[in-house]
Amino acid sequence: MKNFLNLISDSLTDVKEIMPWDLEERMQDNPGLLIVDVREPYEYDAMHIEGSLAVPRGILESACEWDYEETVPELVNARQREIIVVCRSGYRSVLAAYSMHVLGYENVVSLKTGLRGWNDYEQPLVDKLGKAVEIEQADDYFTPKLREEQLRPK
């Protein structure tokens, strides 16, 4: 039986990752770049990269196709565009990029270290109102807060 990290590792055979400084460069070099944020809506509302497209991981595959309630036309039409998939830590984005690769997206990569790393690199994030999020606020938000019942039994 595989665990979550094994699944991520297996997907990396088909998925390329970039670092936050690479994303910063790609954003400058390619104004048509599409950043797809696959976190949950409440996470996206709290903070995200300005201009990114919110497509939660749970509906990604149907959002990539016509004729579904979840269809996102900009995403369906982006199979030839450069796409960077982001999440909080860089794990969900690997799985999402893998799915998109299988669905025929030609130039899709995952942001290694996720938005946590983007914030560590001191790059801007905004909230749902477009207001800048302070780095310290994002640091606190991205710090894991596990409950006792979420920890591996001893």
C-alpha atoms as a PDB file:
ATOM      1  CA  MET A   1       0.000   0.000   0.000  1.00  0.00           C
ATOM      2  CA  LYS A   2       1.271   3.475  -0.867  1.00  0.00           C
ATOM      3  CA  ASN A   3       0.943   6.558   1.256  1.00  0.00           C
ATOM      4  CA  PHE A   4       0.356  10.178   0.265  1.00  0.00           C
ATOM      5  CA  LEU A   5       4.032  11.017  -0.221  1.00  0.00           C
ATOM      6  CA  ASN A   6       4.553   7.870  -2.323  1.00  0.00           C
ATOM      7  CA  LEU A   7       1.726   9.017  -4.580  1.00  0.00           C
ATOM      8  CA  ILE A   8       3.363  12.432  -4.924  1.00  0.00           C
ATOM      9  CA  SER A   9       6.743  10.866  -5.664  1.00  0.00           C
ATOM     10  CA  ASP A  10       5.279   8.568  -8.322  1.00  0.00           C
ATOM     11  CA  SER A  11       3.557  11.522 -10.005  1.00  0.00           C
ATOM     12  CA  LEU A  12       6.845  13.429 -10.188  1.00  0.00           C
ATOM     13  CA  THR A  13       8.054  11.076 -12.911  1.00  0.00           C
ATOM     14  CA  ASP A  14       5.675  12.961 -15.240  1.00  0.00           C
ATOM     15  CA  VAL A  15       5.481  16.377 -13.545  1.00  0.00           C
ATOM     16  CA  LYS A  16       8.078  19.119 -13.588  1.00  0.00           C
ATOM     17  CA  GLU A  17       8.389  21.447 -10.599  1.00  0.00           C
ATOM     18  CA  ILE A  18       9.657  25.018 -10.455  1.00  0.00           C
ATOM     19  CA  MET A  19      10.788  27.104  -7.509  1.00  0.00           C
ATOM     20  CA  PRO A  20       9.206  30.404  -6.419  1.00  0.00           C
ATOM     21  CA  TRP A  21      11.977  32.479  -8.023  1.00  0.00           C
ATOM     22  CA  ASP A  22      11.336  30.631 -11.301  1.00  0.00           C
ATOM     23  CA  LEU A  23       7.641  31.514 -11.072  1.00  0.00           C
ATOM     24  CA  GLU A  24       8.517  35.149 -10.460  1.00  0.00           C
ATOM     25  CA  GLU A  25      10.644  35.070 -13.641  1.00  0.00           C
ATOM     26  CA  ARG A  26       7.965  33.260 -15.670  1.00  0.00           C
ATOM     27  CA  MET A  27       5.370  35.856 -14.597  1.00  0.00           C
ATOM     28  CA  GLN A  28       7.628  38.633 -15.897  1.00  0.00           C
ATOM     29  CA  ASP A  29       8.522  36.831 -19.139  1.00  0.00           C
ATOM     30  CA  ASN A  30       5.077  35.491 -20.049  1.00  0.00           C
ATOM     31  CA  PRO A  31       2.067  37.766 -19.481  1.00  0.00           C
ATOM     32  CA  GLY A  32      -0.170  34.944 -20.787  1.00  0.00           C
ATOM     33  CA  LEU A  33       0.940  32.594 -18.025  1.00  0.00           C
ATOM     34  CA  LEU A  34      -1.963  30.937 -16.203  1.00  0.00           C
ATOM     35  CA  ILE A  35      -1.574  30.261 -12.486  1.00  0.00           C
ATOM     36  CA  VAL A  36      -4.078  27.679 -11.271  1.00  0.00           C
ATOM     37  CA  ASP A  37      -4.617  27.550  -7.508  1.00  0.00           C
ATOM     38  CA  VAL A  38      -6.038  24.152  -6.537  1.00  0.00           C
ATOM     39  CA  ARG A  39      -6.619  24.850  -2.848  1.00  0.00           C
ATOM     40  CA  GLU A  40     -10.067  24.939  -1.301  1.00  0.00           C
ATOM     41  CA  PRO A  41     -12.143  28.126  -1.723  1.00  0.00           C
ATOM     42  CA  TYR A  42     -11.645  29.230   1.902  1.00  0.00           C
ATOM     43  CA  GLU A  43      -7.868  28.907   1.448  1.00  0.00           C
ATOM     44  CA  TYR A  44      -7.924  30.905  -1.779  1.00  0.00           C
ATOM     45  CA  ASP A  45     -10.081  33.604  -0.161  1.00  0.00           C
ATOM     46  CA  ALA A  46      -7.604  33.944   2.719  1.00  0.00           C
ATOM     47  CA  MET A  47      -4.651  34.550   0.381  1.00  0.00           C
ATOM     48  CA  HIS A  48      -3.544  33.827  -3.157  1.00  0.00           C
ATOM     49  CA  ILE A  49      -1.335  35.089  -5.959  1.00  0.00           C
ATOM     50  CA  GLU A  50      -3.064  38.016  -7.617  1.00  0.00           C
ATOM     51  CA  GLY A  51      -4.579  37.006 -10.949  1.00  0.00           C
ATOM     52  CA  SER A  52      -4.505  33.286 -10.207  1.00  0.00           C
ATOM     53  CA  LEU A  53      -7.465  31.127 -11.169  1.00  0.00           C
ATOM     54  CA  ALA A  54      -9.180  29.267  -8.315  1.00  0.00           C
ATOM     55  CA  VAL A  55     -10.014  25.686  -9.314  1.00  0.00           C
ATOM     56  CA  PRO A  56     -10.244  23.406  -6.257  1.00  0.00           C
ATOM     57  CA  ARG A  57      -8.489  20.057  -6.601  1.00  0.00           C
ATOM     58  CA  GLY A  58     -11.749  18.219  -5.989  1.00  0.00           C
ATOM     59  CA  ILE A  59     -13.317  19.481  -9.239  1.00  0.00           C
ATOM     60  CA  LEU A  60     -10.206  19.974 -11.344  1.00  0.00           C
ATOM     61  CA  GLU A  61     -10.748  17.217 -13.881  1.00  0.00           C
ATOM     62  CA  SER A  62     -14.321  18.225 -14.695  1.00  0.00           C
ATOM     63  CA  ALA A  63     -13.307  21.906 -14.690  1.00  0.00           C
ATOM     64  CA  CYS A  64     -10.848  21.024 -17.486  1.00  0.00           C
ATOM     65  CA  GLU A  65     -13.608  19.699 -19.777  1.00  0.00           C
ATOM     66  CA  TRP A  66     -16.679  21.110 -21.517  1.00  0.00           C
ATOM     67  CA  ASP A  67     -20.223  20.124 -20.535  1.00  0.00           C
ATOM     68  CA  TYR A  68     -19.874  19.922 -16.744  1.00  0.00           C
ATOM     69  CA  GLU A  69     -21.284  22.215 -14.087  1.00  0.00           C
ATOM     70  CA  GLU A  70     -17.706  22.743 -12.924  1.00  0.00           C
ATOM     71  CA  THR A  71     -16.383  23.641 -16.413  1.00  0.00           C
ATOM     72  CA  VAL A  72     -14.026  26.643 -16.341  1.00  0.00           C
ATOM     73  CA  PRO A  73     -13.814  27.877 -19.963  1.00  0.00           C
ATOM     74  CA  GLU A  74     -10.477  29.655 -19.459  1.00  0.00           C
ATOM     75  CA  LEU A  75      -8.996  26.407 -18.196  1.00  0.00           C
ATOM     76  CA  VAL A  76     -10.532  24.247 -20.939  1.00  0.00           C
ATOM     77  CA  ASN A  77      -9.050  26.590 -23.546  1.00  0.00           C
ATOM     78  CA  ALA A  78      -5.597  26.603 -21.928  1.00  0.00           C
ATOM     79  CA  ARG A  79      -4.212  23.262 -23.115  1.00  0.00           C
ATOM     80  CA  GLN A  80      -1.421  24.986 -25.063  1.00  0.00           C
ATOM     81  CA  ARG A  81      -0.780  27.787 -22.526  1.00  0.00           C
ATOM     82  CA  GLU A  82       1.975  27.795 -19.955  1.00  0.00           C
ATOM     83  CA  ILE A  83       0.345  26.778 -16.660  1.00  0.00           C
ATOM     84  CA  ILE A  84       1.770  26.804 -13.148  1.00  0.00           C
ATOM     85  CA  VAL A  85      -0.290  24.882 -10.586  1.00  0.00           C
ATOM     86  CA  VAL A  86      -0.042  26.039  -6.969  1.00  0.00           C
ATOM     87  CA  CYS A  87      -1.302  24.889  -3.574  1.00  0.00           C
ATOM     88  CA  ARG A  88      -0.226  25.446   0.025  1.00  0.00           C
ATOM     89  CA  SER A  89       2.847  23.204   0.187  1.00  0.00           C
ATOM     90  CA  GLY A  90       3.401  21.887  -3.327  1.00  0.00           C
ATOM     91  CA  TYR A  91       1.839  18.440  -2.895  1.00  0.00           C
ATOM     92  CA  ARG A  92      -1.717  18.858  -4.167  1.00  0.00           C
ATOM     93  CA  SER A  93      -0.323  20.853  -7.070  1.00  0.00           C
ATOM     94  CA  VAL A  94       1.809  17.874  -8.148  1.00  0.00           C
ATOM     95  CA  LEU A  95      -1.266  15.643  -8.250  1.00  0.00           C
ATOM     96  CA  ALA A  96      -3.228  18.339 -10.083  1.00  0.00           C
ATOM     97  CA  ALA A  97      -0.451  18.913 -12.625  1.00  0.00           C
ATOM     98  CA  TYR A  98      -0.266  15.163 -13.185  1.00  0.00           C
ATOM     99  CA  SER A  99      -4.022  15.001 -13.877  1.00  0.00           C
ATOM    100  CA  MET A 100      -3.777  17.947 -16.254  1.00  0.00           C
ATOM    101  CA  HIS A 101      -0.853  16.308 -18.056  1.00  0.00           C
ATOM    102  CA  VAL A 102      -2.939  13.139 -18.516  1.00  0.00           C
ATOM    103  CA  LEU A 103      -5.824  15.307 -19.800  1.00  0.00           C
ATOM    104  CA  GLY A 104      -3.622  16.748 -22.554  1.00  0.00           C
ATOM    105  CA  TYR A 105      -2.219  19.951 -21.098  1.00  0.00           C
ATOM    106  CA  GLU A 106       1.100  20.459 -22.854  1.00  0.00           C
ATOM    107  CA  ASN A 107       2.970  22.905 -20.637  1.00  0.00           C
ATOM    108  CA  VAL A 108       1.941  22.461 -17.012  1.00  0.00           C
ATOM    109  CA  VAL A 109       4.244  22.473 -13.989  1.00  0.00           C
ATOM    110  CA  SER A 110       3.845  22.536 -10.219  1.00  0.00           C
ATOM    111  CA  LEU A 111       5.169  25.178  -7.815  1.00  0.00           C
ATOM    112  CA  LYS A 112       7.581  23.320  -5.530  1.00  0.00           C
ATOM    113  CA  THR A 113       7.161  24.485  -1.910  1.00  0.00           C
ATOM    114  CA  GLY A 114       3.744  25.928  -2.830  1.00  0.00           C
ATOM    115  CA  LEU A 115       2.456  29.249  -1.586  1.00  0.00           C
ATOM    116  CA  ARG A 116       4.256  28.650   1.686  1.00  0.00           C
ATOM    117  CA  GLY A 117       7.542  28.848  -0.234  1.00  0.00           C
ATOM    118  CA  TRP A 118       6.239  31.756  -2.321  1.00  0.00           C
ATOM    119  CA  ASN A 119       5.630  33.658   0.912  1.00  0.00           C
ATOM    120  CA  ASP A 120       9.031  32.600   2.318  1.00  0.00           C
ATOM    121  CA  TYR A 121      10.537  34.128  -0.841  1.00  0.00           C
ATOM    122  CA  GLU A 122       8.636  37.286   0.170  1.00  0.00           C
ATOM    123  CA  GLN A 123       6.445  37.420  -2.907  1.00  0.00           C
ATOM    124  CA  PRO A 124       3.052  39.154  -2.746  1.00  0.00           C
ATOM    125  CA  LEU A 125      -0.213  37.529  -1.798  1.00  0.00           C
ATOM    126  CA  VAL A 126      -3.661  39.134  -1.727  1.00  0.00           C
ATOM    127  CA  ASP A 127      -6.910  38.258   0.033  1.00  0.00           C
ATOM    128  CA  LYS A 128     -10.348  37.839  -1.549  1.00  0.00           C
ATOM    129  CA  LEU A 129     -10.791  41.627  -1.642  1.00  0.00           C
ATOM    130  CA  GLY A 130      -7.469  42.118  -3.426  1.00  0.00           C
ATOM    131  CA  LYS A 131      -5.854  43.581  -0.308  1.00  0.00           C
ATOM    132  CA  ALA A 132      -2.174  42.754   0.258  1.00  0.00           C
ATOM    133  CA  VAL A 133      -1.528  40.112   2.907  1.00  0.00           C
ATOM    134  CA  GLU A 134       1.355  40.838   5.271  1.00  0.00           C
ATOM    135  CA  ILE A 135       4.204  38.312   5.182  1.00  0.00           C
ATOM    136  CA  GLU A 136       3.893  37.661   8.934  1.00  0.00           C
ATOM    137  CA  GLN A 137       0.162  37.015   8.610  1.00  0.00           C
ATOM    138  CA  ALA A 138       0.849  34.526   5.823  1.00  0.00           C
ATOM    139  CA  ASP A 139       3.635  32.908   7.889  1.00  0.00           C
ATOM    140  CA  ASP A 140       1.139  32.265  10.666  1.00  0.00           C
ATOM    141  CA  TYR A 141      -1.492  31.004   8.220  1.00  0.00           C
ATOM    142  CA  PHE A 142       0.923  28.560   6.567  1.00  0.00           C
ATOM    143  CA  THR A 143       2.254  27.183   9.865  1.00  0.00           C
ATOM    144  CA  PRO A 144       0.740  23.694  10.333  1.00  0.00           C
ATOM    145  CA  LYS A 145      -1.672  23.438  13.223  1.00  0.00           C
ATOM    146  CA  LEU A 146      -2.285  19.744  13.772  1.00  0.00           C
ATOM    147  CA  ARG A 147      -4.826  18.590  16.305  1.00  0.00           C
ATOM    148  CA  GLU A 148      -3.944  15.679  18.585  1.00  0.00           C
ATOM    149  CA  GLU A 149      -6.228  13.289  16.720  1.00  0.00           C
ATOM    150  CA  GLN A 150      -4.401  14.047  13.465  1.00  0.00           C
ATOM    151  CA  LEU A 151      -1.069  12.793  14.784  1.00  0.00           C
ATOM    152  CA  ARG A 152       0.171   9.247  14.175  1.00  0.00           C
ATOM    153  CA  PRO A 153      -0.661   7.012  17.156  1.00  0.00           C
ATOM    154  CA  LYS A 154       2.297   6.213  19.391  1.00  0.00           C
END
